[in-house]
N, C-alpha and C. Protein backbone atom coordinates (compact mmCIF):
# COMPACT_ATOMS: atom_id res chain seq x y z
N MET A 1 0.85 -1.21 0.00
CA MET A 1 0.00 0.00 0.00
C MET A 1 0.88 1.26 0.00
N ASP A 2 1.99 1.15 0.65
CA ASP A 2 2.90 2.32 0.69
C ASP A 2 3.54 2.56 -0.68
N LEU A 3 3.71 1.45 -1.39
CA LEU A 3 4.33 1.55 -2.73
C LEU A 3 3.44 2.35 -3.67
N VAL A 4 2.17 2.15 -3.55
CA VAL A 4 1.22 2.88 -4.42
C VAL A 4 1.25 4.37 -4.08
N LEU A 5 1.33 4.66 -2.82
CA LEU A 5 1.36 6.07 -2.40
C LEU A 5 2.64 6.75 -2.88
N LYS A 6 3.72 6.01 -2.77
CA LYS A 6 5.02 6.57 -3.20
C LYS A 6 5.01 6.79 -4.72
N LEU A 7 4.41 5.86 -5.41
CA LEU A 7 4.34 5.97 -6.88
C LEU A 7 3.48 7.17 -7.27
N LEU A 8 2.41 7.34 -6.57
CA LEU A 8 1.50 8.46 -6.86
C LEU A 8 2.19 9.79 -6.56
N LEU A 9 2.92 9.79 -5.49
CA LEU A 9 3.64 11.02 -5.10
C LEU A 9 4.70 11.37 -6.14
N LYS A 10 5.37 10.34 -6.61
CA LYS A 10 6.43 10.58 -7.61
C LYS A 10 5.81 11.07 -8.92
N LYS A 11 4.70 10.50 -9.28
CA LYS A 11 4.04 10.91 -10.53
C LYS A 11 3.50 12.35 -10.38
N LEU A 12 3.04 12.66 -9.20
CA LEU A 12 2.50 14.01 -8.97
C LEU A 12 3.63 15.03 -8.86
N ASN A 13 4.76 14.56 -8.37
CA ASN A 13 5.92 15.46 -8.21
C ASN A 13 6.53 15.79 -9.57
N LYS A 14 6.40 14.86 -10.50
CA LYS A 14 7.00 15.09 -11.84
C LYS A 14 6.29 16.25 -12.56
N PRO A 15 4.99 16.23 -12.66
CA PRO A 15 4.26 17.29 -13.35
C PRO A 15 4.20 18.58 -12.53
N LEU A 16 4.32 18.42 -11.24
CA LEU A 16 4.25 19.61 -10.36
C LEU A 16 5.46 20.51 -10.61
N ARG A 17 6.60 19.87 -10.84
CA ARG A 17 7.83 20.65 -11.05
C ARG A 17 7.81 21.16 -12.48
């Protein structure tokens, strides 16, 4: 479950920057 959250965070961090 933590892996999904980390993946979502990374994907969100990519477009955010």
